Amino acid sequence: MDSRRPASVDEEVAALSRSADRDSLFMQASLILTGSPEPVAARVRNLSPGGMLAEAGVRVAQGAAVEVNLRNVGPVAGRVIWVGEGKFGIAFDRAVDPQAVRRQVVQQSDLPPHLRRTGLGTGPLYRRR
C-alpha cells in the first residue's frame, strides 16, 4: 500500500475531490475558460461539494482557470485538475451544495390552478427531491 502524501496542490485537491460524496447527474452548465470570450456549454456528469466531472466539445488544459455557472448556485470559480478523452475534472475554489444544483425551480405558472398560491408573494417554489 502506498502511503505517500500528495506532492503538489493539484494532487491534494484531486485526492480530496475523489474522497468526497458525489452526485451522479446529467445536466448542462456553462463554462467560461481563460482566454475565451464566449461561454461554452458543458455536460456535468457528477458533482461534489469540491468539484465536478464535465464533458465539453472544446480542448481544455490541465491547470486552466475556469468559471462554471451552476443552476441555483451561480458562477463558481475553479481550475481544471485533470484532462482525459473528452472529459475533465474541475476543482472548485469554494464548496457548493450539490443538492441545491439539482433542485428544480417551479414557477407559479407551471402549477395547476388548484395548487397555485394566492396573495403569498411571488417567488420561485422549490420542488423537493
Protein backbone atom coordinates (compact mmCIF):
# COMPACT_ATOMS: atom_id res chain seq x y z
CA MET A 1 0.00 0.00 0.00
CA ASP A 2 1.33 3.42 -0.97
CA SER A 3 1.04 5.86 1.92
CA ARG A 4 2.89 8.79 0.40
CA ARG A 5 1.50 12.29 0.84
CA PRO A 6 0.37 14.26 -2.25
CA ALA A 7 3.35 16.02 -3.82
CA SER A 8 1.50 19.02 -5.22
CA VAL A 9 -1.55 21.13 -4.57
CA ASP A 10 -3.22 19.60 -7.66
CA GLU A 11 -2.73 16.07 -6.29
CA GLU A 12 -4.03 17.15 -2.88
CA VAL A 13 -7.16 18.74 -4.40
CA ALA A 14 -7.73 15.67 -6.58
CA ALA A 15 -7.43 13.37 -3.56
CA LEU A 16 -9.93 15.46 -1.60
CA SER A 17 -12.36 15.57 -4.54
CA ARG A 18 -12.23 11.80 -5.04
CA SER A 19 -12.96 11.14 -1.39
CA ALA A 20 -15.99 13.45 -1.26
CA ASP A 21 -19.52 12.19 -1.86
CA ARG A 22 -20.50 12.69 -5.48
CA ASP A 23 -23.92 13.10 -7.04
CA SER A 24 -24.19 11.44 -10.43
CA LEU A 25 -26.31 13.53 -12.73
CA PHE A 26 -26.70 14.71 -16.27
CA MET A 27 -27.24 18.43 -16.64
CA GLN A 28 -25.97 21.38 -18.61
CA ALA A 29 -23.72 24.12 -17.29
CA SER A 30 -21.84 26.92 -18.97
CA LEU A 31 -18.08 27.31 -18.64
CA ILE A 32 -16.00 30.39 -19.15
CA LEU A 33 -12.46 29.35 -19.99
CA THR A 34 -9.45 31.61 -19.57
CA GLY A 35 -8.82 33.45 -22.83
CA SER A 36 -12.21 32.57 -24.32
CA PRO A 37 -14.74 35.41 -24.59
CA GLU A 38 -17.79 33.18 -25.08
CA PRO A 39 -19.20 30.66 -22.60
CA VAL A 40 -19.01 27.00 -23.60
CA ALA A 41 -21.82 24.51 -22.97
CA ALA A 42 -20.70 21.52 -20.90
CA ARG A 43 -22.39 18.39 -19.59
CA VAL A 44 -21.99 17.79 -15.87
CA ARG A 45 -21.61 14.05 -15.22
CA ASN A 46 -21.06 14.14 -11.48
CA LEU A 47 -20.85 16.81 -8.85
CA SER A 48 -19.45 17.01 -5.34
CA PRO A 49 -19.05 19.98 -2.99
CA GLY A 50 -15.43 20.35 -4.13
CA GLY A 51 -15.62 19.77 -7.87
CA MET A 52 -17.20 18.17 -10.90
CA LEU A 53 -16.64 15.88 -13.86
CA ALA A 54 -17.53 17.60 -17.13
CA GLU A 55 -17.68 16.86 -20.84
CA ALA A 56 -17.42 19.56 -23.49
CA GLY A 57 -16.61 19.83 -27.16
CA VAL A 58 -13.57 22.01 -26.52
CA ARG A 59 -9.99 21.28 -25.59
CA VAL A 60 -9.03 22.39 -22.09
CA ALA A 61 -5.61 22.43 -20.49
CA GLN A 62 -4.78 20.99 -17.11
CA GLY A 63 -4.37 23.85 -14.65
CA ALA A 64 -6.57 26.25 -16.65
CA ALA A 65 -8.74 28.62 -14.63
CA VAL A 66 -12.48 28.26 -15.32
CA GLU A 67 -15.74 29.69 -14.11
CA VAL A 68 -18.73 27.34 -14.04
CA ASN A 69 -22.26 28.70 -13.97
CA LEU A 70 -24.30 26.15 -12.00
CA ARG A 71 -28.09 26.21 -11.79
CA ASN A 72 -29.41 27.66 -8.48
CA VAL A 73 -25.85 28.42 -7.33
CA GLY A 74 -24.47 30.83 -9.93
CA PRO A 75 -20.87 31.29 -11.02
CA VAL A 76 -18.22 29.21 -9.25
CA ALA A 77 -14.51 29.70 -9.93
CA GLY A 78 -12.19 26.73 -10.16
CA ARG A 79 -9.49 25.09 -12.19
CA VAL A 80 -9.04 22.05 -14.36
CA ILE A 81 -7.16 19.42 -12.37
CA TRP A 82 -7.15 16.56 -14.89
CA VAL A 83 -7.98 16.03 -18.56
CA GLY A 84 -9.00 12.79 -20.29
CA GLU A 85 -10.62 11.85 -23.58
CA GLY A 86 -13.42 14.40 -23.91
CA LYS A 87 -13.75 14.68 -20.13
CA PHE A 88 -12.08 16.77 -17.47
CA GLY A 89 -12.23 17.35 -13.75
CA ILE A 90 -12.69 20.76 -12.15
CA ALA A 91 -11.82 21.58 -8.54
CA PHE A 92 -13.90 24.47 -7.20
CA ASP A 93 -12.35 27.34 -5.26
CA ARG A 94 -15.27 27.17 -2.82
CA ALA A 95 -17.61 24.40 -1.78
CA VAL A 96 -21.05 24.18 -3.40
CA ASP A 97 -24.22 22.38 -2.35
CA PRO A 98 -24.89 19.65 -4.94
CA GLN A 99 -28.49 19.31 -3.73
CA ALA A 100 -29.12 23.00 -4.46
CA VAL A 101 -27.83 22.48 -8.02
CA ARG A 102 -30.15 19.50 -8.51
CA ARG A 103 -33.21 21.28 -7.12
CA GLN A 104 -35.79 22.15 -9.74
CA VAL A 105 -37.30 25.60 -9.60
CA VAL A 106 -41.03 25.59 -10.26
CA GLN A 107 -42.82 28.80 -11.22
CA GLN A 108 -46.43 29.51 -10.20
CA SER A 109 -47.49 29.33 -13.84
CA ASP A 110 -46.12 25.75 -14.05
CA LEU A 111 -48.56 24.54 -11.41
CA PRO A 112 -52.18 23.51 -11.98
CA PRO A 113 -54.63 26.20 -10.80
CA HIS A 114 -55.65 24.38 -7.62
CA LEU A 115 -52.03 24.33 -6.38
CA ARG A 116 -51.17 27.97 -7.07
CA ARG A 117 -50.63 30.22 -4.09
CA THR A 118 -52.62 33.41 -3.99
CA GLY A 119 -51.62 36.51 -2.06
CA LEU A 120 -48.48 34.92 -0.64
CA GLY A 121 -45.97 36.83 -2.72
CA THR A 122 -44.19 35.94 -5.86
CA GLY A 123 -41.07 33.88 -5.88
CA PRO A 124 -39.91 30.53 -7.07
CA LEU A 125 -41.15 27.39 -5.41
CA TYR A 126 -38.71 24.57 -4.94
CA ARG A 127 -39.68 21.02 -5.70
CA ARG A 128 -38.32 18.68 -3.09
CA ARG A 129 -36.43 15.58 -4.26
